[in-house]
Protein backbone atom coordinates (compact mmCIF):
# COMPACT_ATOMS: atom_id res chain seq x y z
CA MET A 1 17.73 191.15 169.28
CA SER A 2 17.72 190.91 172.74
CA LYS A 3 20.00 188.80 175.37
CA GLN A 4 17.69 187.74 178.25
CA ILE A 5 19.22 186.23 181.31
CA ALA A 6 17.70 185.65 184.56
CA VAL A 7 19.08 187.19 187.86
CA VAL A 8 17.86 185.54 191.05
CA ASP A 9 17.64 186.64 194.87
CA ILE A 10 16.63 184.55 197.74
CA GLU A 11 15.45 184.81 200.75
CA THR A 12 16.01 182.67 203.73
CA THR A 13 15.46 182.17 207.17
CA GLY A 14 19.31 181.75 208.09
CA PHE A 15 22.29 179.79 206.60
CA LEU A 16 21.69 176.13 204.60
CA ASN A 17 24.55 174.50 207.15
CA ASP A 18 22.28 175.68 209.98
CA GLY A 19 18.82 174.93 208.55
CA GLY A 20 17.56 177.92 207.59
CA THR A 21 14.22 177.82 205.62
CA ILE A 22 13.58 179.52 202.14
CA CYS A 23 10.74 181.84 202.53
CA GLU A 24 11.02 184.14 199.30
CA VAL A 25 12.02 184.06 195.90
CA GLY A 26 12.64 186.98 193.50
CA ILE A 27 13.56 186.41 189.58
CA VAL A 28 14.01 189.13 186.94
CA GLU A 29 14.53 189.20 184.02
CA LEU A 30 17.64 191.29 182.50
CA ASP A 31 17.99 192.22 178.38
CA LEU A 32 21.68 193.03 178.30
CA ASN A 33 21.27 195.02 175.70
CA THR A 34 18.61 197.47 176.55
CA GLY A 35 18.99 197.46 180.37
CA GLY A 36 15.34 196.19 180.07
CA ARG A 37 13.87 194.83 184.19
CA ARG A 38 11.43 192.85 184.68
CA VAL A 39 9.91 190.63 187.88
CA VAL A 40 8.99 187.10 186.05
CA PHE A 41 8.45 185.73 189.55
CA ASP A 42 7.81 187.11 192.83
CA SER A 43 6.78 184.21 195.90
CA LEU A 44 7.21 184.67 199.99
CA CYS A 45 6.72 180.65 200.24
CA VAL A 46 7.26 178.35 202.96
CA GLU A 47 8.89 175.33 204.50
CA GLU A 48 7.74 171.98 206.28
CA PRO A 49 10.37 173.11 208.75
CA PHE A 50 9.43 176.58 209.56
CA ARG A 51 6.05 175.90 209.73
CA SER A 52 5.72 173.41 212.26
CA ASN A 53 8.75 175.85 214.21
CA PRO A 54 7.98 179.42 213.11
CA PHE A 55 11.14 181.26 214.69
CA ASN A 56 12.77 184.68 214.78
CA ALA A 57 15.09 185.06 212.08
CA TRP A 58 16.89 187.66 211.03
CA ILE A 59 15.02 188.16 207.80
CA PHE A 60 12.21 189.13 210.58
CA GLN A 61 14.10 192.29 211.88
CA ASN A 62 15.70 193.69 208.79
CA SER A 63 13.05 193.38 206.61
CA ASP A 64 9.25 194.38 206.15
CA MET A 65 8.44 190.60 206.25
CA ARG A 66 6.71 189.27 208.66
CA ILE A 67 6.87 185.58 210.30
CA ASP A 68 2.06 185.37 209.93
CA ASP A 69 3.24 186.24 206.37
CA VAL A 70 5.65 183.72 205.81
CA LEU A 71 3.26 181.17 207.67
CA ASN A 72 0.16 182.40 204.79
CA ALA A 73 3.23 181.65 202.11
CA PRO A 74 2.59 178.64 199.40
CA LEU A 75 4.43 175.79 200.30
CA LEU A 76 7.86 175.90 198.58
CA GLN A 77 6.89 172.86 197.45
CA ASP A 78 4.20 173.63 195.09
CA LEU A 79 6.19 176.22 193.64
CA LEU A 80 9.35 174.31 192.72
CA GLU A 81 8.03 173.38 189.11
CA VAL A 82 7.09 177.15 188.33
CA ILE A 83 10.65 178.09 189.79
CA GLN A 84 12.95 175.74 187.03
CA ASN A 85 10.49 176.70 184.46
CA THR A 86 10.98 179.89 184.78
CA LEU A 87 14.76 179.53 185.03
CA ASN A 88 14.87 176.91 182.04
CA SER A 89 13.11 179.69 179.88
CA TYR A 90 16.48 181.61 179.95
CA PRO A 91 18.50 179.43 178.23
CA LEU A 92 21.38 182.39 178.14
CA GLY A 93 21.61 181.28 181.65
CA VAL A 94 21.63 182.47 185.34
CA THR A 95 23.21 184.50 188.01
CA ALA A 96 22.83 185.73 191.33
CA TYR A 97 24.13 188.21 193.51
CA ASN A 98 26.43 185.82 195.52
CA LYS A 99 24.71 183.20 193.68
CA ASN A 100 26.69 180.63 195.72
CA PHE A 101 24.72 181.04 198.48
CA ASP A 102 21.29 181.43 196.63
CA PHE A 103 22.35 178.70 193.89
CA ASP A 104 23.77 176.59 197.03
CA PHE A 105 19.80 176.98 198.77
CA LEU A 106 18.07 176.39 195.07
CA SER A 107 19.86 173.52 194.30
CA SER A 108 19.26 171.85 197.99
CA ARG A 109 15.86 171.41 197.01
CA SER A 110 16.35 170.30 193.78
CA ILE A 111 16.42 173.22 191.36
CA SER A 112 18.75 173.08 188.59
CA ILE A 113 20.27 176.09 187.11
CA PRO A 114 20.49 175.23 183.32
CA LYS A 115 23.16 177.62 182.66
CA GLU A 116 25.91 179.53 185.47
CA LEU A 117 26.98 183.04 184.64
CA GLU A 118 28.97 184.96 186.53
CA CYS A 119 28.48 185.97 190.22
CA PRO A 120 28.76 190.04 190.32
CA MET A 121 29.38 189.70 193.84
CA LYS A 122 33.01 188.46 192.59
CA LEU A 123 33.54 190.22 189.40
CA ALA A 124 32.59 193.66 191.56
CA THR A 125 35.35 192.92 194.23
CA PRO A 126 38.18 193.69 192.16
CA ILE A 127 36.01 196.90 191.04
CA CYS A 128 35.41 198.17 193.88
CA GLY A 129 38.90 197.10 195.99
CA LEU A 130 37.11 197.43 199.37
CA PRO A 131 40.67 196.33 202.00
CA SER A 132 40.09 192.64 202.75
CA ARG A 133 39.93 192.61 206.67
CA HIS A 134 42.24 188.64 206.35
CA PRO A 135 44.47 188.22 204.27
CA SER A 136 44.65 185.04 203.91
CA HIS A 137 41.40 185.89 202.11
CA GLY A 138 42.20 187.48 199.58
CA LYS A 139 43.58 191.16 198.68
CA TYR A 140 40.30 192.55 198.79
CA LYS A 141 36.49 191.86 200.31
CA TRP A 142 33.90 191.18 198.86
CA PRO A 143 31.74 193.70 198.89
CA LYS A 144 28.57 193.52 200.45
CA PHE A 145 25.21 194.45 197.84
CA GLU A 146 25.29 198.09 199.45
CA GLU A 147 28.51 198.52 198.75
CA ALA A 148 28.78 197.28 195.43
CA TRP A 149 25.66 199.96 194.23
CA ALA A 150 27.65 202.49 196.34
CA HIS A 151 31.01 202.51 194.45
CA PHE A 152 28.47 201.73 190.86
CA PHE A 153 25.81 205.01 191.50
CA PRO A 154 26.95 206.98 193.79
CA GLY A 155 24.96 209.54 193.29
CA GLU A 156 22.13 206.97 193.88
CA PRO A 157 21.51 206.08 197.54
CA TYR A 158 20.06 202.18 198.26
CA VAL A 159 19.52 201.08 201.27
CA GLU A 160 19.13 196.64 200.33
CA ALA A 161 14.82 196.10 201.18
CA HIS A 162 16.33 192.52 201.46
CA ARG A 163 12.99 191.74 199.43
CA GLY A 164 13.40 188.75 196.73
CA ALA A 165 12.17 190.64 193.76
CA ASP A 166 12.75 194.50 194.97
CA ASP A 167 16.41 193.23 195.62
CA ALA A 168 16.44 191.24 191.97
CA MET A 169 15.75 194.75 190.46
CA HIS A 170 18.44 196.24 191.46
CA GLU A 171 20.92 192.93 191.42
CA ALA A 172 20.28 193.15 187.72
CA ARG A 173 20.76 196.71 187.38
CA LEU A 174 24.48 196.66 188.63
CA VAL A 175 24.66 192.91 186.27
CA HIS A 176 23.88 195.33 183.10
CA LYS A 177 26.94 197.95 184.59
CA LEU A 178 29.11 194.88 184.90
CA TYR A 179 28.31 194.22 181.96
CA GLN A 180 28.21 197.45 180.04
CA MET A 181 31.32 198.01 180.94
CA GLY A 182 32.53 194.70 179.47
CA ASP A 183 33.53 192.99 182.94
CA PHE A 184 29.81 190.23 182.34
CA VAL A 185 30.08 188.48 179.22
CA LEU A 186 28.00 185.83 178.57
């Protein structure tokens, strides 16, 4: 019997509390038993604040995404129902690497996560054991995705694409590894 969950990755023009907008959503289905992964949703999108005042955000310097691609993308508002229906089709749950970032953005756009699973970034933190630069934040720092990837898959170099579906595919593989180790549980 398959155990399918969803892994979400969004790309944004900035942080939520700074007025960032969502510019891409990728959702990957992960079968925890087999490790099988497939993209079930992948779309660029634009939100009105960005469309009426496009600016050169970090994402445009650190991925192959271009401002014109986002300006010509469907309105996020028009995609919300299909995104919600996609997430709802995973009753075992949904996760994301640094899920608070992704889920807070989605929640602010009226997307609800039917069942939140553990955050793989937080699960990977003590395993990766990267020393914290700020002792008040705990013994270990939260690993950037590339740092976690290098720890769990040392023979497979990976540079994060900062594109929704590609990042979600890699994040799903990391979730499966954590599941195999017994650290990610439903």
